[in-house]
Amino acid sequence: MNENFKNKIKSLRESRFPGRSIRGLDKELKLHFGKHFYAYISKIEAGALPSMDFIKKIKDAYTLSVKDYEDLVQLYLKQKFEDEFVTVTQRSGISLEPQPLLFRKVNKKKK
């Protein structure tokens, strides 16, 4: 499966709180995320990228292991890079496909 950030967030929530909806986690997550936490988590699981501070809150709220947290951060950075790359290429209109390098022979003048 091609894992991405939003799928990882959802799978972590489902593995930590099996069989429960986002709104059903009121007692567990409200303390970490505040009021209306379900709206934020729902948006993230739909594809919005949160801040790194929010990812740290997820680490604490979901009690993630170091490996799970590192995997999550790696997927976050990959998604952020891809989103910014697409935005830059769309805005500039420049195609960033690799072009073959062409060299020409240059005659050196003897001194």
PDB file of N, CA and C in Angstrom:
ATOM      1  N   MET A   1       0.841  -1.178   0.000  1.00  0.00           N
ATOM      2  CA  MET A   1       0.000   0.000   0.000  1.00  0.00           C
ATOM      3  C   MET A   1       0.889   1.245   0.000  1.00  0.00           C
ATOM      4  N   ASN A   2       0.559   2.197  -0.804  1.00  0.00           N
ATOM      5  CA  ASN A   2       1.289   3.457  -0.854  1.00  0.00           C
ATOM      6  C   ASN A   2       0.831   4.306   0.329  1.00  0.00           C
ATOM      7  N   GLU A   3       1.635   4.319   1.379  1.00  0.00           N
ATOM      8  CA  GLU A   3       1.234   5.013   2.592  1.00  0.00           C
ATOM      9  C   GLU A   3       1.510   6.500   2.480  1.00  0.00           C
ATOM     10  N   ASN A   4       0.553   7.291   2.910  1.00  0.00           N
ATOM     11  CA  ASN A   4       0.754   8.725   2.944  1.00  0.00           C
ATOM     12  C   ASN A   4       0.369   9.229   4.332  1.00  0.00           C
ATOM     13  N   PHE A   5       0.549  10.527   4.541  1.00  0.00           N
ATOM     14  CA  PHE A   5       0.370  11.106   5.870  1.00  0.00           C
ATOM     15  C   PHE A   5      -1.045  10.927   6.403  1.00  0.00           C
ATOM     16  N   LYS A   6      -2.044  11.253   5.589  1.00  0.00           N
ATOM     17  CA  LYS A   6      -3.423  11.185   6.089  1.00  0.00           C
ATOM     18  C   LYS A   6      -3.837   9.759   6.437  1.00  0.00           C
ATOM     19  N   ASN A   7      -3.384   8.790   5.649  1.00  0.00           N
ATOM     20  CA  ASN A   7      -3.715   7.398   5.958  1.00  0.00           C
ATOM     21  C   ASN A   7      -3.023   6.926   7.225  1.00  0.00           C
ATOM     22  N   LYS A   8      -1.789   7.407   7.439  1.00  0.00           N
ATOM     23  CA  LYS A   8      -1.041   7.029   8.639  1.00  0.00           C
ATOM     24  C   LYS A   8      -1.731   7.577   9.892  1.00  0.00           C
ATOM     25  N   ILE A   9      -2.170   8.836   9.840  1.00  0.00           N
ATOM     26  CA  ILE A   9      -2.873   9.433  10.985  1.00  0.00           C
ATOM     27  C   ILE A   9      -4.129   8.628  11.322  1.00  0.00           C
ATOM     28  N   LYS A  10      -4.880   8.289  10.291  1.00  0.00           N
ATOM     29  CA  LYS A  10      -6.119   7.541  10.511  1.00  0.00           C
ATOM     30  C   LYS A  10      -5.837   6.147  11.066  1.00  0.00           C
ATOM     31  N   SER A  11      -4.829   5.473  10.512  1.00  0.00           N
ATOM     32  CA  SER A  11      -4.528   4.123  10.996  1.00  0.00           C
ATOM     33  C   SER A  11      -4.002   4.155  12.432  1.00  0.00           C
ATOM     34  N   LEU A  12      -3.246   5.196  12.795  1.00  0.00           N
ATOM     35  CA  LEU A  12      -2.776   5.308  14.180  1.00  0.00           C
ATOM     36  C   LEU A  12      -3.948   5.512  15.139  1.00  0.00           C
ATOM     37  N   ARG A  13      -4.885   6.371  14.753  1.00  0.00           N
ATOM     38  CA  ARG A  13      -6.064   6.592  15.607  1.00  0.00           C
ATOM     39  C   ARG A  13      -6.867   5.310  15.755  1.00  0.00           C
ATOM     40  N   GLU A  14      -7.078   4.612  14.644  1.00  0.00           N
ATOM     41  CA  GLU A  14      -7.876   3.387  14.690  1.00  0.00           C
ATOM     42  C   GLU A  14      -7.180   2.287  15.482  1.00  0.00           C
ATOM     43  N   SER A  15      -5.848   2.236  15.441  1.00  0.00           N
ATOM     44  CA  SER A  15      -5.138   1.207  16.199  1.00  0.00           C
ATOM     45  C   SER A  15      -5.085   1.539  17.692  1.00  0.00           C
ATOM     46  N   ARG A  16      -5.020   2.823  18.036  1.00  0.00           N
ATOM     47  CA  ARG A  16      -4.967   3.220  19.452  1.00  0.00           C
ATOM     48  C   ARG A  16      -6.347   3.202  20.116  1.00  0.00           C
ATOM     49  N   PHE A  17      -7.367   3.492  19.331  1.00  0.00           N
ATOM     50  CA  PHE A  17      -8.730   3.552  19.860  1.00  0.00           C
ATOM     51  C   PHE A  17      -9.647   2.726  18.953  1.00  0.00           C
ATOM     52  N   PRO A  18      -9.513   1.411  18.964  1.00  0.00           N
ATOM     53  CA  PRO A  18     -10.269   0.575  18.016  1.00  0.00           C
ATOM     54  C   PRO A  18     -11.782   0.649  18.223  1.00  0.00           C
ATOM     55  N   GLY A  19     -12.491   0.753  17.099  1.00  0.00           N
ATOM     56  CA  GLY A  19     -13.945   0.732  17.114  1.00  0.00           C
ATOM     57  C   GLY A  19     -14.610   1.993  17.607  1.00  0.00           C
ATOM     58  N   ARG A  20     -13.843   3.085  17.749  1.00  0.00           N
ATOM     59  CA  ARG A  20     -14.424   4.328  18.258  1.00  0.00           C
ATOM     60  C   ARG A  20     -14.288   5.427  17.220  1.00  0.00           C
ATOM     61  N   SER A  21     -15.297   6.268  17.156  1.00  0.00           N
ATOM     62  CA  SER A  21     -15.278   7.392  16.215  1.00  0.00           C
ATOM     63  C   SER A  21     -14.457   8.533  16.809  1.00  0.00           C
ATOM     64  N   ILE A  22     -14.168   9.530  15.977  1.00  0.00           N
ATOM     65  CA  ILE A  22     -13.403  10.679  16.457  1.00  0.00           C
ATOM     66  C   ILE A  22     -14.169  11.399  17.566  1.00  0.00           C
ATOM     67  N   ARG A  23     -15.452  11.622  17.364  1.00  0.00           N
ATOM     68  CA  ARG A  23     -16.250  12.320  18.386  1.00  0.00           C
ATOM     69  C   ARG A  23     -16.404  11.491  19.655  1.00  0.00           C
ATOM     70  N   GLY A  24     -16.276  10.207  19.545  1.00  0.00           N
ATOM     71  CA  GLY A  24     -16.395   9.334  20.709  1.00  0.00           C
ATOM     72  C   GLY A  24     -15.164   9.347  21.593  1.00  0.00           C
ATOM     73  N   LEU A  25     -14.132  10.046  21.176  1.00  0.00           N
ATOM     74  CA  LEU A  25     -12.893  10.108  21.946  1.00  0.00           C
ATOM     75  C   LEU A  25     -12.794  11.386  22.766  1.00  0.00           C
ATOM     76  N   ASP A  26     -13.924  11.950  23.114  1.00  0.00           N
ATOM     77  CA  ASP A  26     -13.982  13.233  23.807  1.00  0.00           C
ATOM     78  C   ASP A  26     -13.131  13.251  25.080  1.00  0.00           C
ATOM     79  N   LYS A  27     -13.278  12.267  25.934  1.00  0.00           N
ATOM     80  CA  LYS A  27     -12.556  12.256  27.208  1.00  0.00           C
ATOM     81  C   LYS A  27     -11.053  12.083  27.021  1.00  0.00           C
ATOM     82  N   GLU A  28     -10.646  11.316  26.032  1.00  0.00           N
ATOM     83  CA  GLU A  28      -9.230  11.046  25.828  1.00  0.00           C
ATOM     84  C   GLU A  28      -8.488  12.179  25.114  1.00  0.00           C
ATOM     85  N   LEU A  29      -9.134  12.815  24.146  1.00  0.00           N
ATOM     86  CA  LEU A  29      -8.417  13.760  23.287  1.00  0.00           C
ATOM     87  C   LEU A  29      -8.688  15.231  23.572  1.00  0.00           C
ATOM     88  N   LYS A  30      -9.777  15.543  24.229  1.00  0.00           N
ATOM     89  CA  LYS A  30     -10.102  16.950  24.482  1.00  0.00           C
ATOM     90  C   LYS A  30      -9.026  17.624  25.331  1.00  0.00           C
ATOM     91  N   LEU A  31      -8.453  16.886  26.249  1.00  0.00           N
ATOM     92  CA  LEU A  31      -7.401  17.409  27.113  1.00  0.00           C
ATOM     93  C   LEU A  31      -6.168  17.835  26.307  1.00  0.00           C
ATOM     94  N   HIS A  32      -5.819  17.062  25.290  1.00  0.00           N
ATOM     95  CA  HIS A  32      -4.621  17.338  24.488  1.00  0.00           C
ATOM     96  C   HIS A  32      -4.854  18.399  23.414  1.00  0.00           C
ATOM     97  N   PHE A  33      -6.023  18.369  22.773  1.00  0.00           N
ATOM     98  CA  PHE A  33      -6.267  19.224  21.612  1.00  0.00           C
ATOM     99  C   PHE A  33      -7.217  20.388  21.876  1.00  0.00           C
ATOM    100  N   GLY A  34      -7.958  20.329  22.938  1.00  0.00           N
ATOM    101  CA  GLY A  34      -8.906  21.392  23.231  1.00  0.00           C
ATOM    102  C   GLY A  34     -10.276  21.120  22.633  1.00  0.00           C
ATOM    103  N   LYS A  35     -11.134  22.112  22.808  1.00  0.00           N
ATOM    104  CA  LYS A  35     -12.503  22.010  22.310  1.00  0.00           C
ATOM    105  C   LYS A  35     -12.494  21.898  20.786  1.00  0.00           C
ATOM    106  N   HIS A  36     -13.417  21.185  20.235  1.00  0.00           N
ATOM    107  CA  HIS A  36     -13.572  20.972  18.788  1.00  0.00           C
ATOM    108  C   HIS A  36     -12.370  20.235  18.170  1.00  0.00           C
ATOM    109  N   PHE A  37     -11.730  19.385  18.950  1.00  0.00           N
ATOM    110  CA  PHE A  37     -10.590  18.621  18.447  1.00  0.00           C
ATOM    111  C   PHE A  37     -10.980  17.741  17.271  1.00  0.00           C
ATOM    112  N   TYR A  38     -12.218  17.273  17.268  1.00  0.00           N
ATOM    113  CA  TYR A  38     -12.673  16.358  16.218  1.00  0.00           C
ATOM    114  C   TYR A  38     -12.659  17.027  14.850  1.00  0.00           C
ATOM    115  N   ALA A  39     -12.874  18.339  14.804  1.00  0.00           N
ATOM    116  CA  ALA A  39     -12.836  19.048  13.519  1.00  0.00           C
ATOM    117  C   ALA A  39     -11.416  19.062  12.960  1.00  0.00           C
ATOM    118  N   TYR A  40     -10.446  19.309  13.830  1.00  0.00           N
ATOM    119  CA  TYR A  40      -9.052  19.335  13.390  1.00  0.00           C
ATOM    120  C   TYR A  40      -8.597  17.960  12.901  1.00  0.00           C
ATOM    121  N   ILE A  41      -8.892  16.943  13.687  1.00  0.00           N
ATOM    122  CA  ILE A  41      -8.456  15.593  13.325  1.00  0.00           C
ATOM    123  C   ILE A  41      -9.152  15.135  12.049  1.00  0.00           C
ATOM    124  N   SER A  42     -10.420  15.476  11.901  1.00  0.00           N
ATOM    125  CA  SER A  42     -11.152  15.113  10.694  1.00  0.00           C
ATOM    126  C   SER A  42     -10.525  15.755   9.458  1.00  0.00           C
ATOM    127  N   LYS A  43     -10.150  17.034   9.562  1.00  0.00           N
ATOM    128  CA  LYS A  43      -9.514  17.726   8.436  1.00  0.00           C
ATOM    129  C   LYS A  43      -8.170  17.094   8.094  1.00  0.00           C
ATOM    130  N   ILE A  44      -7.407  16.719   9.103  1.00  0.00           N
ATOM    131  CA  ILE A  44      -6.099  16.102   8.869  1.00  0.00           C
ATOM    132  C   ILE A  44      -6.269  14.745   8.193  1.00  0.00           C
ATOM    133  N   GLU A  45      -7.230  13.964   8.667  1.00  0.00           N
ATOM    134  CA  GLU A  45      -7.475  12.662   8.052  1.00  0.00           C
ATOM    135  C   GLU A  45      -8.029  12.792   6.640  1.00  0.00           C
ATOM    136  N   ALA A  46      -8.558  13.964   6.304  1.00  0.00           N
ATOM    137  CA  ALA A  46      -9.054  14.215   4.945  1.00  0.00           C
ATOM    138  C   ALA A  46      -7.954  14.726   4.019  1.00  0.00           C
ATOM    139  N   GLY A  47      -6.795  15.108   4.589  1.00  0.00           N
ATOM    140  CA  GLY A  47      -5.687  15.511   3.736  1.00  0.00           C
ATOM    141  C   GLY A  47      -5.035  16.832   4.052  1.00  0.00           C
ATOM    142  N   ALA A  48      -5.563  17.607   5.002  1.00  0.00           N
ATOM    143  CA  ALA A  48      -4.932  18.879   5.372  1.00  0.00           C
ATOM    144  C   ALA A  48      -3.676  18.601   6.190  1.00  0.00           C
ATOM    145  N   LEU A  49      -2.651  19.417   5.998  1.00  0.00           N
ATOM    146  CA  LEU A  49      -1.420  19.243   6.760  1.00  0.00           C
ATOM    147  C   LEU A  49      -1.428  20.153   7.988  1.00  0.00           C
ATOM    148  N   PRO A  50      -1.201  19.574   9.168  1.00  0.00           N
ATOM    149  CA  PRO A  50      -1.161  20.381  10.381  1.00  0.00           C
ATOM    150  C   PRO A  50       0.229  20.983  10.592  1.00  0.00           C
ATOM    151  N   SER A  51       0.388  21.698  11.681  1.00  0.00           N
ATOM    152  CA  SER A  51       1.704  22.211  12.047  1.00  0.00           C
ATOM    153  C   SER A  51       2.481  21.105  12.773  1.00  0.00           C
ATOM    154  N   MET A  52       3.769  21.323  12.939  1.00  0.00           N
ATOM    155  CA  MET A  52       4.578  20.350  13.681  1.00  0.00           C
ATOM    156  C   MET A  52       4.154  20.306  15.146  1.00  0.00           C
ATOM    157  N   ASP A  53       3.693  21.413  15.684  1.00  0.00           N
ATOM    158  CA  ASP A  53       3.210  21.422  17.066  1.00  0.00           C
ATOM    159  C   ASP A  53       2.014  20.482  17.224  1.00  0.00           C
ATOM    160  N   PHE A  54       1.156  20.458  16.233  1.00  0.00           N
ATOM    161  CA  PHE A  54      -0.007  19.578  16.292  1.00  0.00           C
ATOM    162  C   PHE A  54       0.426  18.115  16.219  1.00  0.00           C
ATOM    163  N   ILE A  55       1.460  17.830  15.444  1.00  0.00           N
ATOM    164  CA  ILE A  55       1.961  16.457  15.363  1.00  0.00           C
ATOM    165  C   ILE A  55       2.540  16.027  16.707  1.00  0.00           C
ATOM    166  N   LYS A  56       3.187  16.944  17.405  1.00  0.00           N
ATOM    167  CA  LYS A  56       3.693  16.633  18.748  1.00  0.00           C
ATOM    168  C   LYS A  56       2.540  16.343  19.706  1.00  0.00           C
ATOM    169  N   LYS A  57       1.443  17.061  19.555  1.00  0.00           N
ATOM    170  CA  LYS A  57       0.264  16.790  20.382  1.00  0.00           C
ATOM    171  C   LYS A  57      -0.311  15.412  20.064  1.00  0.00           C
ATOM    172  N   ILE A  58      -0.289  15.046  18.786  1.00  0.00           N
ATOM    173  CA  ILE A  58      -0.767  13.719  18.391  1.00  0.00           C
ATOM    174  C   ILE A  58       0.109  12.641  19.028  1.00  0.00           C
ATOM    175  N   LYS A  59       1.408  12.886  19.035  1.00  0.00           N
ATOM    176  CA  LYS A  59       2.338  11.930  19.662  1.00  0.00           C
ATOM    177  C   LYS A  59       1.955  11.693  21.113  1.00  0.00           C
ATOM    178  N   ASP A  60       1.687  12.762  21.847  1.00  0.00           N
ATOM    179  CA  ASP A  60       1.329  12.633  23.259  1.00  0.00           C
ATOM    180  C   ASP A  60      -0.057  12.019  23.441  1.00  0.00           C
ATOM    181  N   ALA A  61      -1.020  12.470  22.662  1.00  0.00           N
ATOM    182  CA  ALA A  61      -2.399  11.989  22.812  1.00  0.00           C
ATOM    183  C   ALA A  61      -2.546  10.523  22.429  1.00  0.00           C
ATOM    184  N   TYR A  62      -1.838  10.105  21.387  1.00  0.00           N
ATOM    185  CA  TYR A  62      -1.943   8.722  20.922  1.00  0.00           C
ATOM    186  C   TYR A  62      -0.895   7.821  21.564  1.00  0.00           C
ATOM    187  N   THR A  63      -0.063   8.368  22.424  1.00  0.00           N
ATOM    188  CA  THR A  63       1.058   7.665  23.060  1.00  0.00           C
ATOM    189  C   THR A  63       1.838   6.842  22.024  1.00  0.00           C
ATOM    190  N   LEU A  64       2.395   7.549  21.060  1.00  0.00           N
ATOM    191  CA  LEU A  64       3.127   6.899  19.980  1.00  0.00           C
ATOM    192  C   LEU A  64       4.516   6.475  20.426  1.00  0.00           C
ATOM    193  N   SER A  65       4.968   5.381  19.869  1.00  0.00           N
ATOM    194  CA  SER A  65       6.350   4.959  20.100  1.00  0.00           C
ATOM    195  C   SER A  65       7.270   5.865  19.287  1.00  0.00           C
ATOM    196  N   VAL A  66       8.555   5.786  19.578  1.00  0.00           N
ATOM    197  CA  VAL A  66       9.521   6.616  18.858  1.00  0.00           C
ATOM    198  C   VAL A  66       9.495   6.279  17.369  1.00  0.00           C
ATOM    199  N   LYS A  67       9.405   4.994  17.042  1.00  0.00           N
ATOM    200  CA  LYS A  67       9.379   4.580  15.630  1.00  0.00           C
ATOM    201  C   LYS A  67       8.131   5.093  14.916  1.00  0.00           C
ATOM    202  N   ASP A  68       6.970   4.960  15.547  1.00  0.00           N
ATOM    203  CA  ASP A  68       5.730   5.465  14.940  1.00  0.00           C
ATOM    204  C   ASP A  68       5.792   6.975  14.731  1.00  0.00           C
ATOM    205  N   TYR A  69       6.349   7.679  15.724  1.00  0.00           N
ATOM    206  CA  TYR A  69       6.464   9.135  15.605  1.00  0.00           C
ATOM    207  C   TYR A  69       7.414   9.518  14.475  1.00  0.00           C
ATOM    208  N   GLU A  70       8.553   8.830  14.369  1.00  0.00           N
ATOM    209  CA  GLU A  70       9.501   9.117  13.294  1.00  0.00           C
ATOM    210  C   GLU A  70       8.893   8.828  11.926  1.00  0.00           C
ATOM    211  N   ASP A  71       8.155   7.725  11.809  1.00  0.00           N
ATOM    212  CA  ASP A  71       7.478   7.408  10.549  1.00  0.00           C
ATOM    213  C   ASP A  71       6.465   8.486  10.183  1.00  0.00           C
ATOM    214  N   LEU A  72       5.731   8.951  11.179  1.00  0.00           N
ATOM    215  CA  LEU A  72       4.729   9.989  10.955  1.00  0.00           C
ATOM    216  C   LEU A  72       5.383  11.288  10.492  1.00  0.00           C
ATOM    217  N   VAL A  73       6.474  11.666  11.125  1.00  0.00           N
ATOM    218  CA  VAL A  73       7.179  12.898  10.743  1.00  0.00           C
ATOM    219  C   VAL A  73       7.754  12.773   9.341  1.00  0.00           C
ATOM    220  N   GLN A  74       8.296  11.615   8.999  1.00  0.00           N
ATOM    221  CA  GLN A  74       8.837  11.400   7.654  1.00  0.00           C
ATOM    222  C   GLN A  74       7.744  11.556   6.599  1.00  0.00           C
ATOM    223  N   LEU A  75       6.595  10.968   6.843  1.00  0.00           N
ATOM    224  CA  LEU A  75       5.481  11.091   5.901  1.00  0.00           C
ATOM    225  C   LEU A  75       4.980  12.532   5.819  1.00  0.00           C
ATOM    226  N   TYR A  76       4.986  13.229   6.947  1.00  0.00           N
ATOM    227  CA  TYR A  76       4.583  14.634   6.977  1.00  0.00           C
ATOM    228  C   TYR A  76       5.518  15.477   6.114  1.00  0.00           C
ATOM    229  N   LEU A  77       6.824  15.294   6.311  1.00  0.00           N
ATOM    230  CA  LEU A  77       7.799  16.084   5.552  1.00  0.00           C
ATOM    231  C   LEU A  77       7.735  15.763   4.057  1.00  0.00           C
ATOM    232  N   LYS A  78       7.528  14.501   3.739  1.00  0.00           N
ATOM    233  CA  LYS A  78       7.400  14.098   2.333  1.00  0.00           C
ATOM    234  C   LYS A  78       6.182  14.766   1.698  1.00  0.00           C
ATOM    235  N   GLN A  79       5.050  14.740   2.401  1.00  0.00           N
ATOM    236  CA  GLN A  79       3.820  15.350   1.884  1.00  0.00           C
ATOM    237  C   GLN A  79       3.982  16.861   1.747  1.00  0.00           C
ATOM    238  N   LYS A  80       4.607  17.487   2.732  1.00  0.00           N
ATOM    239  CA  LYS A  80       4.814  18.934   2.694  1.00  0.00           C
ATOM    240  C   LYS A  80       5.698  19.316   1.506  1.00  0.00           C
ATOM    241  N   PHE A  81       6.761  18.545   1.277  1.00  0.00           N
ATOM    242  CA  PHE A  81       7.641  18.808   0.144  1.00  0.00           C
ATOM    243  C   PHE A  81       6.894  18.653  -1.175  1.00  0.00           C
ATOM    244  N   GLU A  82       6.125  17.581  -1.301  1.00  0.00           N
ATOM    245  CA  GLU A  82       5.377  17.350  -2.537  1.00  0.00           C
ATOM    246  C   GLU A  82       4.358  18.452  -2.786  1.00  0.00           C
ATOM    247  N   ASP A  83       3.664  18.880  -1.740  1.00  0.00           N
ATOM    248  CA  ASP A  83       2.674  19.949  -1.892  1.00  0.00           C
ATOM    249  C   ASP A  83       3.334  21.257  -2.320  1.00  0.00           C
ATOM    250  N   GLU A  84       4.467  21.589  -1.716  1.00  0.00           N
ATOM    251  CA  GLU A  84       5.154  22.833  -2.066  1.00  0.00           C
ATOM    252  C   GLU A  84       5.753  22.755  -3.469  1.00  0.00           C
ATOM    253  N   PHE A  85       6.257  21.595  -3.862  1.00  0.00           N
ATOM    254  CA  PHE A  85       6.820  21.411  -5.193  1.00  0.00           C
ATOM    255  C   PHE A  85       5.744  21.613  -6.253  1.00  0.00           C
ATOM    256  N   VAL A  86       4.572  21.032  -6.028  1.00  0.00           N
ATOM    257  CA  VAL A  86       3.465  21.172  -6.976  1.00  0.00           C
ATOM    258  C   VAL A  86       3.020  22.629  -7.050  1.00  0.00           C
ATOM    259  N   THR A  87       2.942  23.300  -5.907  1.00  0.00           N
ATOM    260  CA  THR A  87       2.523  24.697  -5.879  1.00  0.00           C
ATOM    261  C   THR A  87       3.493  25.576  -6.649  1.00  0.00           C
ATOM    262  N   VAL A  88       4.784  25.372  -6.462  1.00  0.00           N
ATOM    263  CA  VAL A  88       5.798  26.183  -7.146  1.00  0.00           C
ATOM    264  C   VAL A  88       5.743  25.958  -8.646  1.00  0.00           C
ATOM    265  N   THR A  89       5.620  24.726  -9.081  1.00  0.00           N
ATOM    266  CA  THR A  89       5.588  24.456 -10.520  1.00  0.00           C
ATOM    267  C   THR A  89       4.310  24.975 -11.159  1.00  0.00           C
ATOM    268  N   GLN A  90       3.201  24.938 -10.431  1.00  0.00           N
ATOM    269  CA  GLN A  90       1.955  25.473 -10.981  1.00  0.00           C
ATOM    270  C   GLN A  90       2.014  26.987 -11.090  1.00  0.00           C
ATOM    271  N   ARG A  91       2.568  27.638 -10.077  1.00  0.00           N
ATOM    272  CA  ARG A  91       2.648  29.092 -10.081  1.00  0.00           C
ATOM    273  C   ARG A  91       3.600  29.608 -11.149  1.00  0.00           C
ATOM    274  N   SER A  92       4.730  28.954 -11.307  1.00  0.00           N
ATOM    275  CA  SER A  92       5.736  29.458 -12.242  1.00  0.00           C
ATOM    276  C   SER A  92       5.441  29.060 -13.682  1.00  0.00           C
ATOM    277  N   GLY A  93       4.756  27.958 -13.862  1.00  0.00           N
ATOM    278  CA  GLY A  93       4.490  27.479 -15.207  1.00  0.00           C
ATOM    279  C   GLY A  93       5.692  26.830 -15.857  1.00  0.00           C
ATOM    280  N   ILE A  94       6.732  26.632 -15.089  1.00  0.00           N
ATOM    281  CA  ILE A  94       7.959  26.034 -15.603  1.00  0.00           C
ATOM    282  C   ILE A  94       7.899  24.530 -15.397  1.00  0.00           C
ATOM    283  N   SER A  95       8.203  23.812 -16.434  1.00  0.00           N
ATOM    284  CA  SER A  95       8.273  22.372 -16.336  1.00  0.00           C
ATOM    285  C   SER A  95       9.641  22.002 -15.771  1.00  0.00           C
ATOM    286  N   LEU A  96       9.629  21.213 -14.702  1.00  0.00           N
ATOM    287  CA  LEU A  96      10.883  20.843 -14.073  1.00  0.00           C
ATOM    288  C   LEU A  96      11.297  19.424 -14.422  1.00  0.00           C
ATOM    289  N   GLU A  97      10.954  19.007 -15.618  1.00  0.00           N
ATOM    290  CA  GLU A  97      11.372  17.692 -16.066  1.00  0.00           C
ATOM    291  C   GLU A  97      12.847  17.748 -16.420  1.00  0.00           C
ATOM    292  N   PRO A  98      13.582  16.685 -16.139  1.00  0.00           N
ATOM    293  CA  PRO A  98      15.009  16.703 -16.451  1.00  0.00           C
ATOM    294  C   PRO A  98      15.247  16.775 -17.961  1.00  0.00           C
ATOM    295  N   GLN A  99      16.140  17.633 -18.336  1.00  0.00           N
ATOM    296  CA  GLN A  99      16.507  17.798 -19.736  1.00  0.00           C
ATOM    297  C   GLN A  99      17.889  17.188 -19.943  1.00  0.00           C
ATOM    298  N   PRO A 100      18.131  16.597 -21.099  1.00  0.00           N
ATOM    299  CA  PRO A 100      19.461  16.031 -21.335  1.00  0.00           C
ATOM    300  C   PRO A 100      20.497  17.154 -21.411  1.00  0.00           C
ATOM    301  N   LEU A 101      21.659  16.858 -20.875  1.00  0.00           N
ATOM    302  CA  LEU A 101      22.748  17.831 -20.925  1.00  0.00           C
ATOM    303  C   LEU A 101      23.449  17.740 -22.273  1.00  0.00           C
ATOM    304  N   LEU A 102      23.663  18.864 -22.878  1.00  0.00           N
ATOM    305  CA  LEU A 102      24.361  18.922 -24.155  1.00  0.00           C
ATOM    306  C   LEU A 102      25.675  19.654 -23.953  1.00  0.00           C
ATOM    307  N   PHE A 103      26.728  19.056 -24.443  1.00  0.00           N
ATOM    308  CA  PHE A 103      28.037  19.674 -24.352  1.00  0.00           C
ATOM    309  C   PHE A 103      28.542  19.945 -25.754  1.00  0.00           C
ATOM    310  N   ARG A 104      29.265  20.979 -25.881  1.00  0.00           N
ATOM    311  CA  ARG A 104      29.884  21.233 -27.174  1.00  0.00           C
ATOM    312  C   ARG A 104      31.375  21.335 -26.961  1.00  0.00           C
ATOM    313  N   LYS A 105      32.072  20.986 -27.972  1.00  0.00           N
ATOM    314  CA  LYS A 105      33.527  21.007 -27.913  1.00  0.00           C
ATOM    315  C   LYS A 105      33.985  22.451 -28.081  1.00  0.00           C
ATOM    316  N   VAL A 106      34.855  22.857 -27.202  1.00  0.00           N
ATOM    317  CA  VAL A 106      35.378  24.207 -27.242  1.00  0.00           C
ATOM    318  C   VAL A 106      36.862  24.125 -27.578  1.00  0.00           C
ATOM    319  N   ASN A 107      37.254  24.857 -28.627  1.00  0.00           N
ATOM    320  CA  ASN A 107      38.660  24.890 -29.004  1.00  0.00           C
ATOM    321  C   ASN A 107      39.386  25.848 -28.074  1.00  0.00           C
ATOM    322  N   LYS A 108      40.413  25.354 -27.449  1.00  0.00           N
ATOM    323  CA  LYS A 108      41.198  26.185 -26.549  1.00  0.00           C
ATOM    324  C   LYS A 108      42.283  26.902 -27.347  1.00  0.00           C
ATOM    325  N   LYS A 109      42.415  28.150 -27.105  1.00  0.00           N
ATOM    326  CA  LYS A 109      43.461  28.917 -27.759  1.00  0.00           C
ATOM    327  C   LYS A 109      44.751  28.765 -26.990  1.00  0.00           C
ATOM    328  N   LYS A 110      45.808  28.504 -27.715  1.00  0.00           N
ATOM    329  CA  LYS A 110      47.111  28.377 -27.064  1.00  0.00           C
ATOM    330  C   LYS A 110      47.684  29.750 -26.859  1.00  0.00           C
ATOM    331  N   LYS A 111      48.276  29.943 -25.744  1.00  0.00           N
ATOM    332  CA  LYS A 111      48.891  31.229 -25.437  1.00  0.00           C
ATOM    333  C   LYS A 111      50.377  31.197 -25.629  1.00  0.00           C
TER     334      LYS A 111
END
